[in-house]
Amino acid sequence: MSNQFRSIKPEDFPTCARILIKAYSGEPWHNTWSHDDALLRIEAIMSGFSARGYVMEHNQEIVAMCLGRIDYYYNNWRQFCIDEFNVMPDYQEKQIGSKMLTYVTDTMKQQNINRMFLITGGAEAARFYENNCFEVSNKGTMMEFVLNDCFLSLDK
């Protein structure tokens, strides 16, 4: 049983869409994604010039992915924003996710990236990241603007 890590290729996108669908169908999300929506999400993440994507193959089958982008700031400050990190449910709790994070971390260090960050939901997901050296950050506030709930007027 061999594991191989590599950069994602466009031909991997449909497989990664299936992984996203399966990963989000269970706890804690219970999301119902269509294949088209999942594929659009992956294509959108990977469309930018600073996009980075990595997959892990187990016996030549993709079982995990990490997709995101490099954010650039002053003083050569760079961070990797993880937009999607998914492991096939059958491979969860088998150290696959931890191995994938180790690979991504090592890759980011080689690219002189200073920090990695993400937003996650659910206590179980947060525990996974905390067990892999992520910390809860209080350096910012996540804010949301629900367009249908608030009507701003240019007349104000």
N, C-alpha and C. Protein backbone atom coordinates (compact mmCIF):
# COMPACT_ATOMS: atom_id res chain seq x y z
N MET A 1 0.84 -1.18 0.00
CA MET A 1 0.00 0.00 0.00
C MET A 1 0.88 1.23 0.00
N SER A 2 0.87 1.95 -1.10
CA SER A 2 1.74 3.10 -1.19
C SER A 2 0.94 4.39 -1.22
N ASN A 3 1.52 5.42 -0.59
CA ASN A 3 0.95 6.76 -0.61
C ASN A 3 1.85 7.64 -1.44
N GLN A 4 1.26 8.46 -2.28
CA GLN A 4 2.02 9.40 -3.10
C GLN A 4 1.34 10.75 -3.02
N PHE A 5 2.14 11.79 -2.80
CA PHE A 5 1.66 13.16 -2.77
C PHE A 5 2.12 13.86 -4.03
N ARG A 6 1.27 14.74 -4.55
CA ARG A 6 1.65 15.49 -5.75
C ARG A 6 0.75 16.69 -5.90
N SER A 7 1.14 17.58 -6.81
CA SER A 7 0.29 18.72 -7.15
C SER A 7 -0.92 18.23 -7.93
N ILE A 8 -2.01 18.92 -7.73
CA ILE A 8 -3.25 18.57 -8.43
C ILE A 8 -3.10 18.92 -9.91
N LYS A 9 -3.79 18.18 -10.75
CA LYS A 9 -3.85 18.46 -12.19
C LYS A 9 -5.32 18.68 -12.56
N PRO A 10 -5.57 19.44 -13.61
CA PRO A 10 -6.98 19.67 -14.01
C PRO A 10 -7.77 18.37 -14.21
N GLU A 11 -7.12 17.34 -14.68
CA GLU A 11 -7.86 16.07 -14.87
C GLU A 11 -8.26 15.41 -13.55
N ASP A 12 -7.71 15.90 -12.42
CA ASP A 12 -8.08 15.39 -11.09
C ASP A 12 -9.35 16.05 -10.56
N PHE A 13 -9.76 17.16 -11.15
CA PHE A 13 -10.86 17.94 -10.60
C PHE A 13 -12.15 17.12 -10.42
N PRO A 14 -12.59 16.30 -11.39
CA PRO A 14 -13.81 15.53 -11.17
C PRO A 14 -13.71 14.55 -9.99
N THR A 15 -12.56 13.91 -9.84
CA THR A 15 -12.36 13.01 -8.70
C THR A 15 -12.40 13.79 -7.40
N CYS A 16 -11.75 14.95 -7.38
CA CYS A 16 -11.74 15.78 -6.18
C CYS A 16 -13.15 16.29 -5.86
N ALA A 17 -13.95 16.54 -6.87
CA ALA A 17 -15.34 16.94 -6.64
C ALA A 17 -16.09 15.82 -5.92
N ARG A 18 -15.86 14.59 -6.31
CA ARG A 18 -16.50 13.45 -5.64
C ARG A 18 -16.04 13.34 -4.19
N ILE A 19 -14.77 13.61 -3.93
CA ILE A 19 -14.26 13.58 -2.56
C ILE A 19 -14.95 14.67 -1.74
N LEU A 20 -15.04 15.87 -2.29
CA LEU A 20 -15.69 16.97 -1.59
C LEU A 20 -17.14 16.60 -1.25
N ILE A 21 -17.87 16.05 -2.20
CA ILE A 21 -19.27 15.66 -1.98
C ILE A 21 -19.37 14.67 -0.82
N LYS A 22 -18.53 13.65 -0.85
CA LYS A 22 -18.59 12.62 0.20
C LYS A 22 -18.15 13.16 1.55
N ALA A 23 -17.11 13.98 1.56
CA ALA A 23 -16.60 14.52 2.83
C ALA A 23 -17.64 15.41 3.51
N TYR A 24 -18.35 16.22 2.72
CA TYR A 24 -19.33 17.14 3.31
C TYR A 24 -20.69 16.49 3.58
N SER A 25 -20.90 15.27 3.14
CA SER A 25 -22.21 14.65 3.33
C SER A 25 -22.40 14.16 4.77
N GLY A 26 -21.31 13.98 5.51
CA GLY A 26 -21.40 13.48 6.88
C GLY A 26 -21.24 14.57 7.92
N GLU A 27 -20.93 14.13 9.14
CA GLU A 27 -20.72 15.04 10.28
C GLU A 27 -19.58 15.99 9.99
N PRO A 28 -19.60 17.20 10.46
CA PRO A 28 -20.74 17.86 11.11
C PRO A 28 -21.61 18.65 10.14
N TRP A 29 -21.33 18.54 8.84
CA TRP A 29 -21.95 19.43 7.86
C TRP A 29 -23.29 18.94 7.33
N HIS A 30 -23.37 17.70 6.91
CA HIS A 30 -24.59 17.16 6.28
C HIS A 30 -25.03 18.01 5.10
N ASN A 31 -24.05 18.43 4.28
CA ASN A 31 -24.34 19.23 3.08
C ASN A 31 -24.64 18.32 1.90
N THR A 32 -25.54 18.76 1.07
CA THR A 32 -25.84 18.04 -0.16
C THR A 32 -25.29 18.86 -1.33
N TRP A 33 -24.18 18.41 -1.86
CA TRP A 33 -23.54 19.08 -2.99
C TRP A 33 -23.89 18.34 -4.27
N SER A 34 -24.17 19.09 -5.32
CA SER A 34 -24.28 18.45 -6.63
C SER A 34 -22.86 18.32 -7.18
N HIS A 35 -22.68 17.43 -8.14
CA HIS A 35 -21.35 17.28 -8.74
C HIS A 35 -20.95 18.58 -9.44
N ASP A 36 -21.89 19.23 -10.11
CA ASP A 36 -21.58 20.49 -10.80
C ASP A 36 -21.13 21.57 -9.83
N ASP A 37 -21.81 21.69 -8.67
CA ASP A 37 -21.42 22.70 -7.68
C ASP A 37 -20.04 22.40 -7.10
N ALA A 38 -19.79 21.13 -6.81
CA ALA A 38 -18.49 20.75 -6.24
C ALA A 38 -17.38 21.00 -7.26
N LEU A 39 -17.61 20.66 -8.48
CA LEU A 39 -16.62 20.88 -9.53
C LEU A 39 -16.37 22.38 -9.73
N LEU A 40 -17.45 23.18 -9.71
CA LEU A 40 -17.30 24.62 -9.83
C LEU A 40 -16.47 25.19 -8.69
N ARG A 41 -16.70 24.71 -7.48
CA ARG A 41 -15.92 25.17 -6.31
C ARG A 41 -14.43 24.89 -6.52
N ILE A 42 -14.11 23.68 -6.95
CA ILE A 42 -12.71 23.31 -7.16
C ILE A 42 -12.10 24.13 -8.30
N GLU A 43 -12.82 24.27 -9.39
CA GLU A 43 -12.31 25.07 -10.51
C GLU A 43 -12.10 26.52 -10.10
N ALA A 44 -13.01 27.07 -9.31
CA ALA A 44 -12.88 28.46 -8.87
C ALA A 44 -11.65 28.64 -7.97
N ILE A 45 -11.46 27.74 -7.03
CA ILE A 45 -10.29 27.83 -6.14
C ILE A 45 -9.01 27.74 -6.95
N MET A 46 -8.97 26.86 -7.91
CA MET A 46 -7.74 26.61 -8.66
C MET A 46 -7.53 27.56 -9.83
N SER A 47 -8.41 28.53 -10.02
CA SER A 47 -8.31 29.40 -11.20
C SER A 47 -7.37 30.59 -11.02
N GLY A 48 -6.98 30.92 -9.81
CA GLY A 48 -6.15 32.09 -9.59
C GLY A 48 -4.67 31.82 -9.77
N PHE A 49 -3.90 32.88 -10.04
CA PHE A 49 -2.46 32.71 -10.26
C PHE A 49 -1.75 32.24 -9.01
N SER A 50 -2.33 32.49 -7.82
CA SER A 50 -1.67 32.08 -6.59
C SER A 50 -2.23 30.77 -6.03
N ALA A 51 -3.08 30.10 -6.81
CA ALA A 51 -3.69 28.85 -6.37
C ALA A 51 -2.65 27.75 -6.20
N ARG A 52 -2.86 26.94 -5.19
CA ARG A 52 -2.03 25.75 -4.96
C ARG A 52 -2.98 24.62 -4.60
N GLY A 53 -2.73 23.46 -5.17
CA GLY A 53 -3.55 22.30 -4.85
C GLY A 53 -2.71 21.05 -4.81
N TYR A 54 -3.01 20.19 -3.86
CA TYR A 54 -2.23 18.97 -3.67
C TYR A 54 -3.20 17.82 -3.41
N VAL A 55 -2.82 16.65 -3.88
CA VAL A 55 -3.61 15.45 -3.65
C VAL A 55 -2.72 14.36 -3.07
N MET A 56 -3.38 13.43 -2.40
CA MET A 56 -2.69 12.24 -1.92
C MET A 56 -3.35 11.04 -2.58
N GLU A 57 -2.53 10.22 -3.20
CA GLU A 57 -3.02 8.98 -3.80
C GLU A 57 -2.65 7.82 -2.89
N HIS A 58 -3.58 6.93 -2.70
CA HIS A 58 -3.34 5.69 -1.98
C HIS A 58 -3.62 4.57 -2.97
N ASN A 59 -2.59 3.79 -3.28
CA ASN A 59 -2.72 2.74 -4.30
C ASN A 59 -3.27 3.31 -5.61
N GLN A 60 -2.74 4.45 -6.01
CA GLN A 60 -3.06 5.13 -7.27
C GLN A 60 -4.48 5.67 -7.34
N GLU A 61 -5.14 5.83 -6.19
CA GLU A 61 -6.47 6.42 -6.12
C GLU A 61 -6.40 7.66 -5.23
N ILE A 62 -6.92 8.79 -5.71
CA ILE A 62 -6.91 10.01 -4.92
C ILE A 62 -7.87 9.84 -3.75
N VAL A 63 -7.34 10.06 -2.53
CA VAL A 63 -8.15 9.89 -1.33
C VAL A 63 -8.19 11.16 -0.46
N ALA A 64 -7.36 12.15 -0.79
CA ALA A 64 -7.33 13.39 0.00
C ALA A 64 -6.88 14.54 -0.89
N MET A 65 -7.32 15.75 -0.51
CA MET A 65 -6.90 16.93 -1.26
C MET A 65 -6.80 18.12 -0.33
N CYS A 66 -5.95 19.04 -0.71
CA CYS A 66 -5.81 20.31 -0.02
C CYS A 66 -5.68 21.39 -1.09
N LEU A 67 -6.63 22.32 -1.11
CA LEU A 67 -6.65 23.36 -2.13
C LEU A 67 -6.69 24.73 -1.44
N GLY A 68 -5.95 25.66 -2.00
CA GLY A 68 -5.97 27.00 -1.43
C GLY A 68 -5.22 27.99 -2.30
N ARG A 69 -4.77 29.06 -1.65
CA ARG A 69 -4.09 30.12 -2.38
C ARG A 69 -3.07 30.78 -1.48
N ILE A 70 -2.08 31.37 -2.11
CA ILE A 70 -1.08 32.14 -1.39
C ILE A 70 -1.57 33.59 -1.33
N ASP A 71 -1.60 34.15 -0.13
CA ASP A 71 -1.90 35.57 0.04
C ASP A 71 -0.58 36.29 0.25
N TYR A 72 -0.40 37.40 -0.44
CA TYR A 72 0.85 38.16 -0.40
C TYR A 72 0.64 39.46 0.36
N TYR A 73 1.59 39.78 1.25
CA TYR A 73 1.53 41.01 2.04
C TYR A 73 2.87 41.72 1.99
N TYR A 74 2.99 42.81 2.73
CA TYR A 74 4.22 43.60 2.79
C TYR A 74 5.33 42.82 3.50
N ASN A 75 6.55 43.31 3.38
CA ASN A 75 7.72 42.71 4.05
C ASN A 75 7.90 41.23 3.72
N ASN A 76 7.54 40.83 2.52
CA ASN A 76 7.72 39.45 2.08
C ASN A 76 6.89 38.45 2.90
N TRP A 77 5.81 38.92 3.49
CA TRP A 77 4.92 38.08 4.28
C TRP A 77 3.99 37.32 3.34
N ARG A 78 3.97 36.00 3.46
CA ARG A 78 3.12 35.17 2.62
C ARG A 78 2.43 34.12 3.49
N GLN A 79 1.17 33.88 3.19
CA GLN A 79 0.46 32.84 3.91
C GLN A 79 -0.37 32.01 2.95
N PHE A 80 -0.55 30.75 3.32
CA PHE A 80 -1.35 29.83 2.52
C PHE A 80 -2.71 29.74 3.17
N CYS A 81 -3.73 30.15 2.44
CA CYS A 81 -5.11 30.06 2.91
C CYS A 81 -5.71 28.77 2.37
N ILE A 82 -6.02 27.85 3.25
CA ILE A 82 -6.61 26.57 2.84
C ILE A 82 -8.11 26.79 2.65
N ASP A 83 -8.56 26.61 1.42
CA ASP A 83 -9.98 26.76 1.11
C ASP A 83 -10.73 25.43 1.21
N GLU A 84 -10.09 24.36 0.84
CA GLU A 84 -10.69 23.02 0.94
C GLU A 84 -9.63 22.03 1.40
N PHE A 85 -9.97 21.24 2.39
CA PHE A 85 -9.13 20.14 2.86
C PHE A 85 -10.09 18.99 3.11
N ASN A 86 -10.03 17.98 2.27
CA ASN A 86 -10.98 16.88 2.36
C ASN A 86 -10.27 15.54 2.26
N VAL A 87 -10.78 14.60 3.04
CA VAL A 87 -10.31 13.21 3.00
C VAL A 87 -11.54 12.33 2.80
N MET A 88 -11.43 11.37 1.91
CA MET A 88 -12.53 10.42 1.70
C MET A 88 -12.93 9.82 3.05
N PRO A 89 -14.22 9.74 3.35
CA PRO A 89 -14.65 9.22 4.65
C PRO A 89 -14.07 7.85 5.00
N ASP A 90 -13.92 6.96 4.04
CA ASP A 90 -13.36 5.63 4.33
C ASP A 90 -11.90 5.69 4.78
N TYR A 91 -11.23 6.83 4.53
CA TYR A 91 -9.82 6.98 4.88
C TYR A 91 -9.61 7.91 6.07
N GLN A 92 -10.69 8.43 6.62
CA GLN A 92 -10.56 9.28 7.80
C GLN A 92 -10.22 8.45 9.02
N GLU A 93 -9.57 9.08 9.98
CA GLU A 93 -9.13 8.44 11.22
C GLU A 93 -8.09 7.35 10.97
N LYS A 94 -7.33 7.50 9.88
CA LYS A 94 -6.25 6.57 9.55
C LYS A 94 -4.94 7.33 9.30
N GLN A 95 -4.84 8.54 9.84
CA GLN A 95 -3.66 9.40 9.71
C GLN A 95 -3.45 9.95 8.30
N ILE A 96 -4.39 9.74 7.40
CA ILE A 96 -4.26 10.25 6.04
C ILE A 96 -4.26 11.78 6.06
N GLY A 97 -5.20 12.39 6.79
CA GLY A 97 -5.27 13.83 6.87
C GLY A 97 -4.00 14.43 7.47
N SER A 98 -3.49 13.80 8.52
CA SER A 98 -2.26 14.30 9.15
C SER A 98 -1.08 14.20 8.20
N LYS A 99 -1.00 13.12 7.46
CA LYS A 99 0.08 12.97 6.47
C LYS A 99 -0.05 14.01 5.37
N MET A 100 -1.29 14.28 4.96
CA MET A 100 -1.51 15.29 3.93
C MET A 100 -1.08 16.67 4.44
N LEU A 101 -1.44 17.00 5.68
CA LEU A 101 -1.03 18.29 6.25
C LEU A 101 0.48 18.39 6.38
N THR A 102 1.14 17.31 6.74
CA THR A 102 2.60 17.32 6.84
C THR A 102 3.22 17.61 5.48
N TYR A 103 2.69 16.97 4.44
CA TYR A 103 3.20 17.21 3.09
C TYR A 103 3.00 18.68 2.69
N VAL A 104 1.80 19.21 2.93
CA VAL A 104 1.51 20.59 2.56
C VAL A 104 2.39 21.54 3.36
N THR A 105 2.55 21.28 4.64
CA THR A 105 3.40 22.12 5.50
C THR A 105 4.83 22.14 4.99
N ASP A 106 5.37 20.98 4.68
CA ASP A 106 6.74 20.91 4.15
C ASP A 106 6.86 21.65 2.82
N THR A 107 5.84 21.51 1.97
CA THR A 107 5.84 22.19 0.67
C THR A 107 5.81 23.71 0.86
N MET A 108 4.99 24.17 1.79
CA MET A 108 4.90 25.61 2.04
C MET A 108 6.22 26.15 2.59
N LYS A 109 6.85 25.43 3.47
CA LYS A 109 8.15 25.86 4.01
C LYS A 109 9.17 26.00 2.89
N GLN A 110 9.17 25.07 1.94
CA GLN A 110 10.10 25.13 0.81
C GLN A 110 9.83 26.36 -0.07
N GLN A 111 8.59 26.84 -0.06
CA GLN A 111 8.22 28.00 -0.86
C GLN A 111 8.29 29.31 -0.05
N ASN A 112 8.90 29.23 1.12
CA ASN A 112 9.06 30.41 2.01
C ASN A 112 7.74 31.04 2.41
N ILE A 113 6.74 30.21 2.66
CA ILE A 113 5.45 30.67 3.16
C ILE A 113 5.57 30.78 4.68
N ASN A 114 5.11 31.89 5.24
CA ASN A 114 5.27 32.16 6.66
C ASN A 114 4.21 31.50 7.54
N ARG A 115 3.02 31.27 7.00
CA ARG A 115 1.91 30.84 7.84
C ARG A 115 0.86 30.15 6.98
N MET A 116 0.08 29.28 7.61
CA MET A 116 -1.08 28.67 6.95
C MET A 116 -2.30 28.98 7.82
N PHE A 117 -3.44 29.19 7.17
CA PHE A 117 -4.65 29.40 7.96
C PHE A 117 -5.85 28.84 7.23
N LEU A 118 -6.93 28.67 7.97
CA LEU A 118 -8.18 28.15 7.42
C LEU A 118 -9.32 28.53 8.34
N ILE A 119 -10.51 28.38 7.83
CA ILE A 119 -11.73 28.51 8.63
C ILE A 119 -12.42 27.16 8.55
N THR A 120 -12.81 26.63 9.70
CA THR A 120 -13.47 25.34 9.71
C THR A 120 -14.70 25.39 10.60
N GLY A 121 -15.54 24.42 10.45
CA GLY A 121 -16.75 24.32 11.27
C GLY A 121 -16.81 22.99 11.97
N GLY A 122 -17.39 22.98 13.14
CA GLY A 122 -17.56 21.75 13.88
C GLY A 122 -16.40 21.46 14.80
N ALA A 123 -16.72 21.01 15.99
CA ALA A 123 -15.70 20.73 17.01
C ALA A 123 -14.75 19.62 16.58
N GLU A 124 -15.26 18.60 15.91
CA GLU A 124 -14.41 17.48 15.49
C GLU A 124 -13.37 17.95 14.48
N ALA A 125 -13.77 18.77 13.53
CA ALA A 125 -12.82 19.29 12.54
C ALA A 125 -11.79 20.18 13.24
N ALA A 126 -12.25 21.03 14.15
CA ALA A 126 -11.31 21.90 14.88
C ALA A 126 -10.31 21.07 15.67
N ARG A 127 -10.76 20.02 16.31
CA ARG A 127 -9.85 19.12 17.06
C ARG A 127 -8.79 18.51 16.15
N PHE A 128 -9.19 18.10 14.95
CA PHE A 128 -8.23 17.54 14.01
C PHE A 128 -7.11 18.55 13.74
N TYR A 129 -7.49 19.79 13.43
CA TYR A 129 -6.47 20.80 13.12
C TYR A 129 -5.63 21.13 14.35
N GLU A 130 -6.25 21.23 15.53
CA GLU A 130 -5.48 21.48 16.74
C GLU A 130 -4.49 20.35 17.02
N ASN A 131 -4.89 19.12 16.74
CA ASN A 131 -3.99 17.97 16.92
C ASN A 131 -2.84 17.99 15.91
N ASN A 132 -2.97 18.83 14.88
CA ASN A 132 -1.93 18.95 13.85
C ASN A 132 -1.29 20.34 13.88
N CYS A 133 -1.15 20.90 15.09
CA CYS A 133 -0.38 22.12 15.37
C CYS A 133 -1.05 23.43 14.96
N PHE A 134 -2.30 23.42 14.52
CA PHE A 134 -3.00 24.68 14.28
C PHE A 134 -3.49 25.21 15.62
N GLU A 135 -3.63 26.52 15.73
CA GLU A 135 -4.13 27.15 16.93
C GLU A 135 -5.31 28.04 16.57
N VAL A 136 -6.22 28.17 17.52
CA VAL A 136 -7.32 29.11 17.33
C VAL A 136 -6.73 30.50 17.37
N SER A 137 -7.05 31.31 16.38
CA SER A 137 -6.50 32.65 16.28
C SER A 137 -7.54 33.68 16.70
N ASN A 138 -7.10 34.65 17.44
CA ASN A 138 -7.96 35.77 17.81
C ASN A 138 -7.47 37.05 17.15
N LYS A 139 -6.74 36.91 16.05
CA LYS A 139 -6.15 38.06 15.38
C LYS A 139 -7.09 38.73 14.40
N GLY A 140 -8.27 38.25 14.30
CA GLY A 140 -9.23 38.84 13.38
C GLY A 140 -10.63 38.43 13.77
N THR A 141 -11.57 38.92 13.05
CA THR A 141 -12.97 38.59 13.29
C THR A 141 -13.57 38.16 11.97
N MET A 142 -14.11 36.97 11.94
CA MET A 142 -14.80 36.53 10.73
C MET A 142 -16.16 37.24 10.71
N MET A 143 -16.44 37.87 9.59
CA MET A 143 -17.69 38.60 9.46
C MET A 143 -18.40 38.13 8.20
N GLU A 144 -19.70 38.24 8.22
CA GLU A 144 -20.52 37.77 7.12
C GLU A 144 -21.58 38.82 6.80
N PHE A 145 -21.87 38.97 5.55
CA PHE A 145 -22.92 39.88 5.09
C PHE A 145 -23.88 39.04 4.26
N VAL A 146 -25.05 38.76 4.80
CA VAL A 146 -26.05 37.98 4.08
C VAL A 146 -26.86 38.96 3.24
N LEU A 147 -26.70 38.87 1.94
CA LEU A 147 -27.26 39.88 1.04
C LEU A 147 -28.77 40.01 1.12
N ASN A 148 -29.47 38.92 1.33
CA ASN A 148 -30.93 38.99 1.36
C ASN A 148 -31.45 39.52 2.69
N ASP A 149 -30.61 39.59 3.73
CA ASP A 149 -31.06 40.01 5.05
C ASP A 149 -30.84 41.49 5.32
N CYS A 150 -30.09 42.17 4.49
CA CYS A 150 -29.77 43.55 4.77
C CYS A 150 -29.83 44.34 3.47
N PHE A 151 -30.49 45.46 3.53
CA PHE A 151 -30.61 46.28 2.34
C PHE A 151 -29.96 47.62 2.61
N LEU A 152 -28.82 47.84 2.01
CA LEU A 152 -28.14 49.12 2.15
C LEU A 152 -28.64 50.03 1.05
N SER A 153 -28.71 51.28 1.38
CA SER A 153 -29.19 52.27 0.43
C SER A 153 -28.11 53.28 0.14
N LEU A 154 -27.96 53.63 -1.11
CA LEU A 154 -27.01 54.67 -1.47
C LEU A 154 -27.52 56.05 -1.05
N ASP A 155 -28.80 56.14 -0.68
CA ASP A 155 -29.39 57.42 -0.29
C ASP A 155 -29.07 57.83 1.14
N LYS A 156 -28.44 56.95 1.92
CA LYS A 156 -28.17 57.26 3.34
C LYS A 156 -27.09 58.28 3.47
